[in-house]
């Protein structure tokens, strides 16, 4: 758990982007949000979901930094909402990432 949460703590994103995601994470619903990213599979563990979401977020952030036409601010915020929501659930269950 510590490794994936450490990676999350090391993220450096614009304040407005993170503030928007934090507000959205208040209403985070795991089944609804994760279905967008894991539609073809059963629901992953919190650790697995957070790991995969962070991988996706790094790619989306690279699009942001490169001013890619494929970048969507709304999609980025939605992804960060899922990341923050899963991190909160992981901490609450105090499960271990193996």
PDB file of N, CA and C in Angstrom:
ATOM      1  N   UNK A   1       0.824  -1.186   0.000  1.00  0.00           N
ATOM      2  CA  UNK A   1       0.000   0.000   0.000  1.00  0.00           C
ATOM      3  C   UNK A   1       0.869   1.249   0.000  1.00  0.00           C
ATOM      4  N   UNK A   2       1.933   1.227   0.754  1.00  0.00           N
ATOM      5  CA  UNK A   2       2.751   2.417   0.892  1.00  0.00           C
ATOM      6  C   UNK A   2       3.337   2.869  -0.438  1.00  0.00           C
ATOM      7  N   UNK A   3       3.732   1.920  -1.276  1.00  0.00           N
ATOM      8  CA  UNK A   3       4.355   2.279  -2.547  1.00  0.00           C
ATOM      9  C   UNK A   3       3.397   3.043  -3.453  1.00  0.00           C
ATOM     10  N   UNK A   4       2.193   2.539  -3.613  1.00  0.00           N
ATOM     11  CA  UNK A   4       1.231   3.191  -4.499  1.00  0.00           C
ATOM     12  C   UNK A   4       0.777   4.526  -3.897  1.00  0.00           C
ATOM     13  N   UNK A   5       0.614   4.600  -2.592  1.00  0.00           N
ATOM     14  CA  UNK A   5       0.234   5.860  -1.961  1.00  0.00           C
ATOM     15  C   UNK A   5       1.390   6.861  -2.007  1.00  0.00           C
ATOM     16  N   UNK A   6       2.612   6.368  -1.931  1.00  0.00           N
ATOM     17  CA  UNK A   6       3.782   7.241  -2.073  1.00  0.00           C
ATOM     18  C   UNK A   6       3.801   7.855  -3.473  1.00  0.00           C
ATOM     19  N   UNK A   7       3.515   7.038  -4.488  1.00  0.00           N
ATOM     20  CA  UNK A   7       3.458   7.556  -5.861  1.00  0.00           C
ATOM     21  C   UNK A   7       2.395   8.647  -5.975  1.00  0.00           C
ATOM     22  N   UNK A   8       1.270   8.415  -5.335  1.00  0.00           N
ATOM     23  CA  UNK A   8       0.195   9.397  -5.374  1.00  0.00           C
ATOM     24  C   UNK A   8       0.627  10.703  -4.718  1.00  0.00           C
ATOM     25  N   UNK A   9       1.313  10.616  -3.597  1.00  0.00           N
ATOM     26  CA  UNK A   9       1.763  11.815  -2.900  1.00  0.00           C
ATOM     27  C   UNK A   9       2.808  12.589  -3.700  1.00  0.00           C
ATOM     28  N   UNK A  10       3.504  11.923  -4.602  1.00  0.00           N
ATOM     29  CA  UNK A  10       4.545  12.576  -5.397  1.00  0.00           C
ATOM     30  C   UNK A  10       3.992  13.293  -6.627  1.00  0.00           C
ATOM     31  N   UNK A  11       2.710  13.104  -6.928  1.00  0.00           N
ATOM     32  CA  UNK A  11       2.115  13.774  -8.090  1.00  0.00           C
ATOM     33  C   UNK A  11       2.144  15.283  -7.899  1.00  0.00           C
ATOM     34  N   UNK A  12       2.608  15.967  -8.881  1.00  0.00           N
ATOM     35  CA  UNK A  12       2.619  17.432  -8.887  1.00  0.00           C
ATOM     36  C   UNK A  12       1.736  17.881 -10.043  1.00  0.00           C
ATOM     37  N   UNK A  13       0.560  18.371  -9.699  1.00  0.00           N
ATOM     38  CA  UNK A  13      -0.399  18.816 -10.704  1.00  0.00           C
ATOM     39  C   UNK A  13      -0.848  20.231 -10.370  1.00  0.00           C
ATOM     40  N   UNK A  14      -1.373  20.955 -11.349  1.00  0.00           N
ATOM     41  CA  UNK A  14      -1.864  22.303 -11.078  1.00  0.00           C
ATOM     42  C   UNK A  14      -2.908  22.310  -9.960  1.00  0.00           C
ATOM     43  N   UNK A  15      -2.858  23.328  -9.134  1.00  0.00           N
ATOM     44  CA  UNK A  15      -3.729  23.397  -7.967  1.00  0.00           C
ATOM     45  C   UNK A  15      -5.203  23.362  -8.331  1.00  0.00           C
ATOM     46  N   UNK A  16      -5.571  24.058  -9.385  1.00  0.00           N
ATOM     47  CA  UNK A  16      -6.973  24.090  -9.772  1.00  0.00           C
ATOM     48  C   UNK A  16      -7.460  22.706 -10.211  1.00  0.00           C
ATOM     49  N   UNK A  17      -6.608  21.975 -10.899  1.00  0.00           N
ATOM     50  CA  UNK A  17      -6.944  20.617 -11.333  1.00  0.00           C
ATOM     51  C   UNK A  17      -7.176  19.714 -10.114  1.00  0.00           C
ATOM     52  N   UNK A  18      -6.262  19.766  -9.156  1.00  0.00           N
ATOM     53  CA  UNK A  18      -6.404  18.945  -7.951  1.00  0.00           C
ATOM     54  C   UNK A  18      -7.574  19.393  -7.087  1.00  0.00           C
ATOM     55  N   UNK A  19      -7.780  20.680  -6.987  1.00  0.00           N
ATOM     56  CA  UNK A  19      -8.906  21.179  -6.192  1.00  0.00           C
ATOM     57  C   UNK A  19     -10.232  20.701  -6.771  1.00  0.00           C
ATOM     58  N   UNK A  20     -10.346  20.733  -8.086  1.00  0.00           N
ATOM     59  CA  UNK A  20     -11.560  20.254  -8.750  1.00  0.00           C
ATOM     60  C   UNK A  20     -11.766  18.767  -8.496  1.00  0.00           C
ATOM     61  N   UNK A  21     -10.684  18.004  -8.583  1.00  0.00           N
ATOM     62  CA  UNK A  21     -10.778  16.560  -8.355  1.00  0.00           C
ATOM     63  C   UNK A  21     -11.132  16.253  -6.903  1.00  0.00           C
ATOM     64  N   UNK A  22     -10.583  16.995  -5.966  1.00  0.00           N
ATOM     65  CA  UNK A  22     -10.902  16.772  -4.552  1.00  0.00           C
ATOM     66  C   UNK A  22     -12.376  17.030  -4.276  1.00  0.00           C
ATOM     67  N   UNK A  23     -12.920  18.058  -4.892  1.00  0.00           N
ATOM     68  CA  UNK A  23     -14.344  18.330  -4.720  1.00  0.00           C
ATOM     69  C   UNK A  23     -15.186  17.204  -5.326  1.00  0.00           C
ATOM     70  N   UNK A  24     -14.774  16.718  -6.475  1.00  0.00           N
ATOM     71  CA  UNK A  24     -15.497  15.622  -7.108  1.00  0.00           C
ATOM     72  C   UNK A  24     -15.376  14.320  -6.345  1.00  0.00           C
ATOM     73  N   UNK A  25     -14.253  14.110  -5.691  1.00  0.00           N
ATOM     74  CA  UNK A  25     -14.020  12.858  -4.956  1.00  0.00           C
ATOM     75  C   UNK A  25     -14.955  12.718  -3.761  1.00  0.00           C
ATOM     76  N   UNK A  26     -15.525  13.818  -3.310  1.00  0.00           N
ATOM     77  CA  UNK A  26     -16.494  13.752  -2.206  1.00  0.00           C
ATOM     78  C   UNK A  26     -17.677  12.880  -2.608  1.00  0.00           C
ATOM     79  N   UNK A  27     -18.056  12.955  -3.865  1.00  0.00           N
ATOM     80  CA  UNK A  27     -19.203  12.193  -4.382  1.00  0.00           C
ATOM     81  C   UNK A  27     -18.769  10.923  -5.116  1.00  0.00           C
ATOM     82  N   UNK A  28     -17.562  10.455  -4.884  1.00  0.00           N
ATOM     83  CA  UNK A  28     -17.029   9.290  -5.592  1.00  0.00           C
ATOM     84  C   UNK A  28     -17.868   8.049  -5.320  1.00  0.00           C
ATOM     85  N   UNK A  29     -18.281   7.406  -6.400  1.00  0.00           N
ATOM     86  CA  UNK A  29     -19.010   6.141  -6.333  1.00  0.00           C
ATOM     87  C   UNK A  29     -18.197   5.126  -7.123  1.00  0.00           C
ATOM     88  N   UNK A  30     -17.639   4.162  -6.417  1.00  0.00           N
ATOM     89  CA  UNK A  30     -16.680   3.222  -7.012  1.00  0.00           C
ATOM     90  C   UNK A  30     -17.230   2.534  -8.265  1.00  0.00           C
ATOM     91  N   UNK A  31     -18.395   1.916  -8.164  1.00  0.00           N
ATOM     92  CA  UNK A  31     -18.934   1.172  -9.312  1.00  0.00           C
ATOM     93  C   UNK A  31     -19.161   2.070 -10.517  1.00  0.00           C
ATOM     94  N   UNK A  32     -19.644   3.255 -10.291  1.00  0.00           N
ATOM     95  CA  UNK A  32     -19.918   4.178 -11.392  1.00  0.00           C
ATOM     96  C   UNK A  32     -18.629   4.700 -12.025  1.00  0.00           C
ATOM     97  N   UNK A  33     -17.699   5.143 -11.230  1.00  0.00           N
ATOM     98  CA  UNK A  33     -16.483   5.738 -11.770  1.00  0.00           C
ATOM     99  C   UNK A  33     -15.543   4.701 -12.387  1.00  0.00           C
ATOM    100  N   UNK A  34     -15.359   3.590 -11.708  1.00  0.00           N
ATOM    101  CA  UNK A  34     -14.407   2.602 -12.222  1.00  0.00           C
ATOM    102  C   UNK A  34     -14.900   1.895 -13.469  1.00  0.00           C
ATOM    103  N   UNK A  35     -16.194   1.828 -13.653  1.00  0.00           N
ATOM    104  CA  UNK A  35     -16.742   1.186 -14.852  1.00  0.00           C
ATOM    105  C   UNK A  35     -16.203   1.849 -16.120  1.00  0.00           C
ATOM    106  N   UNK A  36     -15.899   3.131 -16.035  1.00  0.00           N
ATOM    107  CA  UNK A  36     -15.351   3.850 -17.195  1.00  0.00           C
ATOM    108  C   UNK A  36     -13.958   3.358 -17.577  1.00  0.00           C
ATOM    109  N   UNK A  37     -13.226   2.867 -16.596  1.00  0.00           N
ATOM    110  CA  UNK A  37     -11.837   2.473 -16.830  1.00  0.00           C
ATOM    111  C   UNK A  37     -11.627   0.961 -16.821  1.00  0.00           C
ATOM    112  N   UNK A  38     -12.560   0.220 -16.244  1.00  0.00           N
ATOM    113  CA  UNK A  38     -12.426  -1.233 -16.129  1.00  0.00           C
ATOM    114  C   UNK A  38     -13.710  -1.923 -16.578  1.00  0.00           C
ATOM    115  N   UNK A  39     -14.295  -1.478 -17.655  1.00  0.00           N
ATOM    116  CA  UNK A  39     -15.594  -1.971 -18.100  1.00  0.00           C
ATOM    117  C   UNK A  39     -15.588  -3.455 -18.452  1.00  0.00           C
ATOM    118  N   UNK A  40     -14.476  -3.954 -18.951  1.00  0.00           N
ATOM    119  CA  UNK A  40     -14.433  -5.333 -19.436  1.00  0.00           C
ATOM    120  C   UNK A  40     -14.058  -6.344 -18.356  1.00  0.00           C
ATOM    121  N   UNK A  41     -13.819  -5.897 -17.155  1.00  0.00           N
ATOM    122  CA  UNK A  41     -13.332  -6.798 -16.118  1.00  0.00           C
ATOM    123  C   UNK A  41     -14.144  -6.641 -14.847  1.00  0.00           C
ATOM    124  N   UNK A  42     -13.982  -7.621 -13.960  1.00  0.00           N
ATOM    125  CA  UNK A  42     -14.598  -7.489 -12.647  1.00  0.00           C
ATOM    126  C   UNK A  42     -13.893  -6.370 -11.899  1.00  0.00           C
ATOM    127  N   UNK A  43     -14.524  -5.876 -10.878  1.00  0.00           N
ATOM    128  CA  UNK A  43     -13.938  -4.775 -10.115  1.00  0.00           C
ATOM    129  C   UNK A  43     -12.617  -5.219  -9.486  1.00  0.00           C
ATOM    130  N   UNK A  44     -11.560  -4.466  -9.733  1.00  0.00           N
ATOM    131  CA  UNK A  44     -10.256  -4.798  -9.157  1.00  0.00           C
ATOM    132  C   UNK A  44     -10.200  -4.400  -7.681  1.00  0.00           C
ATOM    133  N   UNK A  45      -9.188  -4.886  -7.001  1.00  0.00           N
ATOM    134  CA  UNK A  45      -8.949  -4.451  -5.624  1.00  0.00           C
ATOM    135  C   UNK A  45      -8.617  -2.966  -5.638  1.00  0.00           C
ATOM    136  N   UNK A  46      -8.692  -2.347  -4.483  1.00  0.00           N
ATOM    137  CA  UNK A  46      -8.376  -0.924  -4.403  1.00  0.00           C
ATOM    138  C   UNK A  46      -6.943  -0.663  -4.852  1.00  0.00           C
ATOM    139  N   UNK A  47      -6.045  -1.523  -4.445  1.00  0.00           N
ATOM    140  CA  UNK A  47      -4.635  -1.351  -4.791  1.00  0.00           C
ATOM    141  C   UNK A  47      -4.419  -1.479  -6.302  1.00  0.00           C
ATOM    142  N   UNK A  48      -4.991  -2.521  -6.885  1.00  0.00           N
ATOM    143  CA  UNK A  48      -4.844  -2.724  -8.328  1.00  0.00           C
ATOM    144  C   UNK A  48      -5.479  -1.579  -9.102  1.00  0.00           C
ATOM    145  N   UNK A  49      -6.654  -1.157  -8.677  1.00  0.00           N
ATOM    146  CA  UNK A  49      -7.337  -0.056  -9.361  1.00  0.00           C
ATOM    147  C   UNK A  49      -6.506   1.223  -9.282  1.00  0.00           C
ATOM    148  N   UNK A  50      -6.004   1.524  -8.102  1.00  0.00           N
ATOM    149  CA  UNK A  50      -5.219   2.745  -7.933  1.00  0.00           C
ATOM    150  C   UNK A  50      -3.940   2.705  -8.757  1.00  0.00           C
ATOM    151  N   UNK A  51      -3.295   1.561  -8.796  1.00  0.00           N
ATOM    152  CA  UNK A  51      -2.072   1.419  -9.594  1.00  0.00           C
ATOM    153  C   UNK A  51      -2.355   1.673 -11.065  1.00  0.00           C
ATOM    154  N   UNK A  52      -3.395   1.053 -11.582  1.00  0.00           N
ATOM    155  CA  UNK A  52      -3.722   1.209 -13.001  1.00  0.00           C
ATOM    156  C   UNK A  52      -4.225   2.614 -13.314  1.00  0.00           C
ATOM    157  N   UNK A  53      -4.989   3.202 -12.391  1.00  0.00           N
ATOM    158  CA  UNK A  53      -5.463   4.569 -12.604  1.00  0.00           C
ATOM    159  C   UNK A  53      -4.299   5.557 -12.634  1.00  0.00           C
ATOM    160  N   UNK A  54      -3.317   5.351 -11.766  1.00  0.00           N
ATOM    161  CA  UNK A  54      -2.150   6.232 -11.770  1.00  0.00           C
ATOM    162  C   UNK A  54      -1.366   6.121 -13.075  1.00  0.00           C
ATOM    163  N   UNK A  55      -1.285   4.912 -13.624  1.00  0.00           N
ATOM    164  CA  UNK A  55      -0.619   4.736 -14.919  1.00  0.00           C
ATOM    165  C   UNK A  55      -1.352   5.506 -16.008  1.00  0.00           C
ATOM    166  N   UNK A  56      -2.673   5.427 -15.998  1.00  0.00           N
ATOM    167  CA  UNK A  56      -3.472   6.170 -16.982  1.00  0.00           C
ATOM    168  C   UNK A  56      -3.299   7.680 -16.790  1.00  0.00           C
ATOM    169  N   UNK A  57      -3.273   8.102 -15.532  1.00  0.00           N
ATOM    170  CA  UNK A  57      -3.175   9.528 -15.246  1.00  0.00           C
ATOM    171  C   UNK A  57      -1.855  10.105 -15.720  1.00  0.00           C
ATOM    172  N   UNK A  58      -0.779   9.366 -15.598  1.00  0.00           N
ATOM    173  CA  UNK A  58       0.527   9.840 -16.073  1.00  0.00           C
ATOM    174  C   UNK A  58       0.470  10.088 -17.581  1.00  0.00           C
ATOM    175  N   UNK A  59      -0.197   9.203 -18.310  1.00  0.00           N
ATOM    176  CA  UNK A  59      -0.325   9.378 -19.762  1.00  0.00           C
ATOM    177  C   UNK A  59      -1.174  10.606 -20.105  1.00  0.00           C
ATOM    178  N   UNK A  60      -2.266  10.781 -19.373  1.00  0.00           N
ATOM    179  CA  UNK A  60      -3.138  11.931 -19.624  1.00  0.00           C
ATOM    180  C   UNK A  60      -2.412  13.228 -19.271  1.00  0.00           C
ATOM    181  N   UNK A  61      -1.639  13.210 -18.185  1.00  0.00           N
ATOM    182  CA  UNK A  61      -0.899  14.411 -17.816  1.00  0.00           C
ATOM    183  C   UNK A  61       0.162  14.750 -18.859  1.00  0.00           C
ATOM    184  N   UNK A  62       0.750  13.739 -19.463  1.00  0.00           N
ATOM    185  CA  UNK A  62       1.718  13.989 -20.538  1.00  0.00           C
ATOM    186  C   UNK A  62       1.023  14.675 -21.715  1.00  0.00           C
ATOM    187  N   UNK A  63      -0.208  14.269 -22.008  1.00  0.00           N
ATOM    188  CA  UNK A  63      -0.967  14.944 -23.062  1.00  0.00           C
ATOM    189  C   UNK A  63      -1.184  16.414 -22.699  1.00  0.00           C
ATOM    190  N   UNK A  64      -1.506  16.665 -21.435  1.00  0.00           N
ATOM    191  CA  UNK A  64      -1.712  18.043 -20.980  1.00  0.00           C
ATOM    192  C   UNK A  64      -0.454  18.870 -21.167  1.00  0.00           C
ATOM    193  N   UNK A  65       0.672  18.325 -20.732  1.00  0.00           N
ATOM    194  CA  UNK A  65       1.931  19.057 -20.806  1.00  0.00           C
ATOM    195  C   UNK A  65       2.381  19.298 -22.246  1.00  0.00           C
ATOM    196  N   UNK A  66       2.020  18.393 -23.147  1.00  0.00           N
ATOM    197  CA  UNK A  66       2.413  18.513 -24.547  1.00  0.00           C
ATOM    198  C   UNK A  66       1.382  19.259 -25.391  1.00  0.00           C
ATOM    199  N   UNK A  67       0.368  19.809 -24.742  1.00  0.00           N
ATOM    200  CA  UNK A  67      -0.703  20.512 -25.453  1.00  0.00           C
ATOM    201  C   UNK A  67      -1.312  19.665 -26.562  1.00  0.00           C
ATOM    202  N   UNK A  68      -1.505  18.394 -26.270  1.00  0.00           N
ATOM    203  CA  UNK A  68      -2.063  17.466 -27.244  1.00  0.00           C
ATOM    204  C   UNK A  68      -3.524  17.795 -27.540  1.00  0.00           C
ATOM    205  N   UNK A  69      -3.909  17.648 -28.789  1.00  0.00           N
ATOM    206  CA  UNK A  69      -5.302  17.862 -29.171  1.00  0.00           C
ATOM    207  C   UNK A  69      -6.205  16.792 -28.560  1.00  0.00           C
ATOM    208  N   UNK A  70      -5.641  15.662 -28.182  1.00  0.00           N
ATOM    209  CA  UNK A  70      -6.413  14.575 -27.590  1.00  0.00           C
ATOM    210  C   UNK A  70      -6.714  14.812 -26.106  1.00  0.00           C
ATOM    211  N   UNK A  71      -6.083  15.808 -25.504  1.00  0.00           N
ATOM    212  CA  UNK A  71      -6.260  16.071 -24.074  1.00  0.00           C
ATOM    213  C   UNK A  71      -7.639  16.642 -23.786  1.00  0.00           C
ATOM    214  N   UNK A  72      -8.265  16.095 -22.741  1.00  0.00           N
ATOM    215  CA  UNK A  72      -9.550  16.595 -22.281  1.00  0.00           C
ATOM    216  C   UNK A  72      -9.447  16.912 -20.791  1.00  0.00           C
ATOM    217  N   UNK A  73      -9.665  18.147 -20.443  1.00  0.00           N
ATOM    218  CA  UNK A  73      -9.614  18.564 -19.048  1.00  0.00           C
ATOM    219  C   UNK A  73     -10.662  17.818 -18.218  1.00  0.00           C
ATOM    220  N   UNK A  74     -11.844  17.682 -18.757  1.00  0.00           N
ATOM    221  CA  UNK A  74     -12.922  16.998 -18.041  1.00  0.00           C
ATOM    222  C   UNK A  74     -12.555  15.543 -17.779  1.00  0.00           C
ATOM    223  N   UNK A  75     -12.002  14.876 -18.781  1.00  0.00           N
ATOM    224  CA  UNK A  75     -11.579  13.486 -18.590  1.00  0.00           C
ATOM    225  C   UNK A  75     -10.447  13.382 -17.573  1.00  0.00           C
ATOM    226  N   UNK A  76      -9.558  14.345 -17.569  1.00  0.00           N
ATOM    227  CA  UNK A  76      -8.451  14.350 -16.620  1.00  0.00           C
ATOM    228  C   UNK A  76      -8.973  14.511 -15.188  1.00  0.00           C
ATOM    229  N   UNK A  77      -9.894  15.422 -14.998  1.00  0.00           N
ATOM    230  CA  UNK A  77     -10.488  15.617 -13.673  1.00  0.00           C
ATOM    231  C   UNK A  77     -11.228  14.360 -13.246  1.00  0.00           C
ATOM    232  N   UNK A  78     -11.979  13.760 -14.155  1.00  0.00           N
ATOM    233  CA  UNK A  78     -12.709  12.529 -13.832  1.00  0.00           C
ATOM    234  C   UNK A  78     -11.753  11.417 -13.413  1.00  0.00           C
ATOM    235  N   UNK A  79     -10.648  11.306 -14.103  1.00  0.00           N
ATOM    236  CA  UNK A  79      -9.646  10.299 -13.763  1.00  0.00           C
ATOM    237  C   UNK A  79      -9.032  10.589 -12.395  1.00  0.00           C
ATOM    238  N   UNK A  80      -8.745  11.839 -12.120  1.00  0.00           N
ATOM    239  CA  UNK A  80      -8.194  12.207 -10.812  1.00  0.00           C
ATOM    240  C   UNK A  80      -9.207  11.978  -9.691  1.00  0.00           C
ATOM    241  N   UNK A  81     -10.486  12.172  -9.974  1.00  0.00           N
ATOM    242  CA  UNK A  81     -11.526  11.860  -8.984  1.00  0.00           C
ATOM    243  C   UNK A  81     -11.461  10.384  -8.618  1.00  0.00           C
ATOM    244  N   UNK A  82     -11.339   9.528  -9.634  1.00  0.00           N
ATOM    245  CA  UNK A  82     -11.235   8.087  -9.380  1.00  0.00           C
ATOM    246  C   UNK A  82      -9.967   7.767  -8.594  1.00  0.00           C
ATOM    247  N   UNK A  83      -8.862   8.404  -8.934  1.00  0.00           N
ATOM    248  CA  UNK A  83      -7.599   8.175  -8.221  1.00  0.00           C
ATOM    249  C   UNK A  83      -7.750   8.549  -6.750  1.00  0.00           C
ATOM    250  N   UNK A  84      -8.271   9.730  -6.489  1.00  0.00           N
ATOM    251  CA  UNK A  84      -8.414  10.185  -5.109  1.00  0.00           C
ATOM    252  C   UNK A  84      -9.431   9.355  -4.338  1.00  0.00           C
ATOM    253  N   UNK A  85     -10.505   8.970  -5.011  1.00  0.00           N
ATOM    254  CA  UNK A  85     -11.511   8.124  -4.363  1.00  0.00           C
ATOM    255  C   UNK A  85     -10.967   6.759  -3.990  1.00  0.00           C
ATOM    256  N   UNK A  86     -10.218   6.157  -4.894  1.00  0.00           N
ATOM    257  CA  UNK A  86      -9.625   4.843  -4.606  1.00  0.00           C
ATOM    258  C   UNK A  86      -8.571   4.940  -3.516  1.00  0.00           C
ATOM    259  N   UNK A  87      -7.810   6.011  -3.508  1.00  0.00           N
ATOM    260  CA  UNK A  87      -6.806   6.202  -2.453  1.00  0.00           C
ATOM    261  C   UNK A  87      -7.495   6.305  -1.094  1.00  0.00           C
ATOM    262  N   UNK A  88      -8.577   7.032  -1.044  1.00  0.00           N
ATOM    263  CA  UNK A  88      -9.322   7.164   0.212  1.00  0.00           C
ATOM    264  C   UNK A  88      -9.852   5.805   0.669  1.00  0.00           C
ATOM    265  N   UNK A  89     -10.408   5.020  -0.255  1.00  0.00           N
ATOM    266  CA  UNK A  89     -10.926   3.699   0.100  1.00  0.00           C
ATOM    267  C   UNK A  89      -9.800   2.753   0.521  1.00  0.00           C
ATOM    268  N   UNK A  90      -8.662   2.842  -0.151  1.00  0.00           N
ATOM    269  CA  UNK A  90      -7.516   2.006   0.199  1.00  0.00           C
ATOM    270  C   UNK A  90      -7.043   2.316   1.614  1.00  0.00           C
ATOM    271  N   UNK A  91      -6.961   3.579   1.934  1.00  0.00           N
ATOM    272  CA  UNK A  91      -6.538   3.968   3.287  1.00  0.00           C
ATOM    273  C   UNK A  91      -7.580   3.519   4.327  1.00  0.00           C
ATOM    274  N   UNK A  92      -8.866   3.634   3.978  1.00  0.00           N
ATOM    275  CA  UNK A  92      -9.931   3.281   4.921  1.00  0.00           C
ATOM    276  C   UNK A  92      -9.957   1.783   5.216  1.00  0.00           C
ATOM    277  N   UNK A  93      -9.668   0.975   4.204  1.00  0.00           N
ATOM    278  CA  UNK A  93      -9.683  -0.463   4.427  1.00  0.00           C
ATOM    279  C   UNK A  93      -8.343  -0.967   4.969  1.00  0.00           C
ATOM    280  N   UNK A  94      -7.344  -0.120   4.877  1.00  0.00           N
ATOM    281  CA  UNK A  94      -5.986  -0.439   5.322  1.00  0.00           C
ATOM    282  C   UNK A  94      -5.511  -1.774   4.764  1.00  0.00           C
ATOM    283  N   UNK A  95      -5.925  -2.054   3.520  1.00  0.00           N
ATOM    284  CA  UNK A  95      -5.451  -3.277   2.880  1.00  0.00           C
ATOM    285  C   UNK A  95      -4.036  -3.062   2.370  1.00  0.00           C
ATOM    286  N   UNK A  96      -3.351  -4.134   2.141  1.00  0.00           N
ATOM    287  CA  UNK A  96      -1.958  -4.075   1.695  1.00  0.00           C
ATOM    288  C   UNK A  96      -1.870  -4.343   0.202  1.00  0.00           C
ATOM    289  N   UNK A  97      -1.030  -3.623  -0.478  1.00  0.00           N
ATOM    290  CA  UNK A  97      -0.764  -3.870  -1.881  1.00  0.00           C
ATOM    291  C   UNK A  97       0.388  -4.860  -1.965  1.00  0.00           C
ATOM    292  N   UNK A  98       0.135  -5.929  -2.639  1.00  0.00           N
ATOM    293  CA  UNK A  98       1.185  -6.952  -2.765  1.00  0.00           C
ATOM    294  C   UNK A  98       1.767  -6.940  -4.140  1.00  0.00           C
TER     295      UNK A  98
END
